[in-house]
Protein backbone atom coordinates (compact mmCIF):
# COMPACT_ATOMS: atom_id res chain seq x y z
CA MET A 1 -4.99 29.60 86.81
CA TYR A 2 -7.79 31.81 88.23
CA THR A 3 -8.73 32.52 92.12
CA ALA A 4 -10.96 34.68 93.64
CA GLY A 5 -9.93 37.28 95.70
CA ILE A 6 -11.67 37.04 98.51
CA ALA A 7 -10.26 33.39 98.54
CA LYS A 8 -6.85 34.34 98.01
CA ALA A 9 -7.27 37.30 100.82
CA THR A 10 -8.77 34.81 103.43
CA LEU A 11 -5.82 32.37 102.29
CA ALA A 12 -3.12 34.92 103.34
CA LYS A 13 -4.76 36.27 106.10
CA ALA A 14 -4.63 32.05 107.27
CA GLY A 15 -1.02 32.08 106.21
CA ILE A 16 -1.30 29.57 103.37
CA GLU A 17 0.63 30.19 100.32
CA LEU A 18 -0.73 29.10 97.29
CA VAL A 19 0.67 26.26 94.90
CA PRO A 20 2.00 28.26 92.03
CA PRO A 21 0.28 27.42 88.61
CA PHE A 22 1.96 24.40 86.20
CA PRO A 23 1.74 24.43 82.77
CA PRO A 24 -0.91 22.32 82.53
CA CYS A 25 -0.34 19.52 80.27
CA SER A 26 2.89 18.72 81.51
CA PRO A 27 3.72 15.34 80.74
CA ASP A 28 6.71 15.40 84.05
CA LEU A 29 3.29 15.76 86.44
CA ASN A 30 0.70 13.35 85.17
CA PRO A 31 1.32 10.00 86.53
CA ILE A 32 -0.15 8.11 83.65
CA GLU A 33 2.60 9.13 81.43
CA SER A 34 5.06 7.52 83.60
CA VAL A 35 3.04 4.26 83.86
CA TRP A 36 2.93 4.62 79.34
CA ALA A 37 7.41 5.32 79.81
CA LEU A 38 7.68 2.22 82.12
CA LEU A 39 5.60 0.02 79.54
CA LYS A 40 7.35 1.28 76.79
CA ARG A 41 11.06 0.39 78.38
CA ARG A 42 9.20 -3.29 79.38
CA ILE A 43 7.89 -4.25 76.03
CA ASN A 44 10.71 -2.47 73.84
CA GLY A 45 13.05 -4.75 76.32
CA ARG A 46 11.74 -8.27 75.00
CA ARG A 47 13.54 -10.14 73.10
CA PRO A 48 12.51 -11.17 70.32
CA ARG A 49 10.71 -7.60 70.06
CA PRO A 50 6.66 -7.26 69.24
CA THR A 51 6.60 -6.15 66.08
CA THR A 52 2.82 -6.98 64.95
CA TYR A 53 -0.49 -5.21 66.33
CA GLU A 54 -1.48 -8.72 68.20
CA ASP A 55 1.65 -9.18 69.51
CA ILE A 56 2.64 -5.55 70.42
CA LYS A 57 -1.71 -5.89 72.20
CA GLU A 58 -1.11 -8.94 73.79
CA ALA A 59 2.99 -7.27 75.57
CA LEU A 60 1.08 -4.28 76.14
CA ILE A 61 -1.53 -6.23 78.60
CA GLU A 62 0.77 -9.06 80.00
CA GLU A 63 3.73 -5.62 80.63
CA TRP A 64 0.14 -3.76 82.63
CA ASP A 65 -0.95 -6.72 84.75
CA SER A 66 2.44 -7.60 85.72
CA LEU A 67 2.80 -4.11 87.13
CA SER A 68 3.35 -4.04 91.03
CA PRO A 69 2.55 -2.51 94.45
CA GLU A 70 6.16 -1.14 94.38
CA ASP A 71 6.58 0.53 90.03
CA TYR A 72 3.98 2.32 91.25
CA GLU A 73 5.74 3.36 94.66
CA ALA A 74 8.46 4.19 92.17
CA MET A 75 6.52 6.66 91.06
CA ILE A 76 4.73 8.29 93.95
CA ILE A 77 8.10 9.09 95.39
CA SER A 78 9.33 10.22 92.16
CA MET A 79 6.41 13.50 92.75
CA PRO A 80 8.34 15.70 94.40
CA GLU A 81 11.71 15.70 92.40
CA ARG A 82 9.12 15.70 89.52
CA VAL A 83 7.90 18.84 90.83
CA GLN A 84 10.66 20.73 92.00
CA ALA A 85 12.54 19.93 87.99
CA VAL A 86 9.55 21.81 86.72
CA LEU A 87 9.31 24.30 89.06
CA ALA A 88 13.34 24.99 88.39
CA ASN A 89 12.39 24.93 84.68
CA GLU A 90 9.83 27.46 85.14
CA GLY A 91 7.47 24.50 83.14
CA GLY A 92 9.81 23.79 80.81
CA HIS A 93 11.80 20.07 79.44
CA THR A 94 12.71 18.01 82.16
CA PRO A 95 14.85 15.32 82.45
CA TRP A 96 11.52 12.90 84.03
């Protein structure tokens, strides 16, 4: 991550710490990855499990439409723990 020297100096003078750089493509920190994982679990949990393109497409649309504010809230609430896991693993794989 590039930050101009003058910006770093100004932030340091104000007592503001820079956020450590995260891996640019970390799926653990990308909220949409949590949505895809939830949709995958729900679709795989269907009985009978959809197998054709049309059935999978229909199931995906139904599950997408059924996402609730509580589903998103759970993802938001887990973000500090995700950030800590990524930092602890220095950007490596986490259980998320």
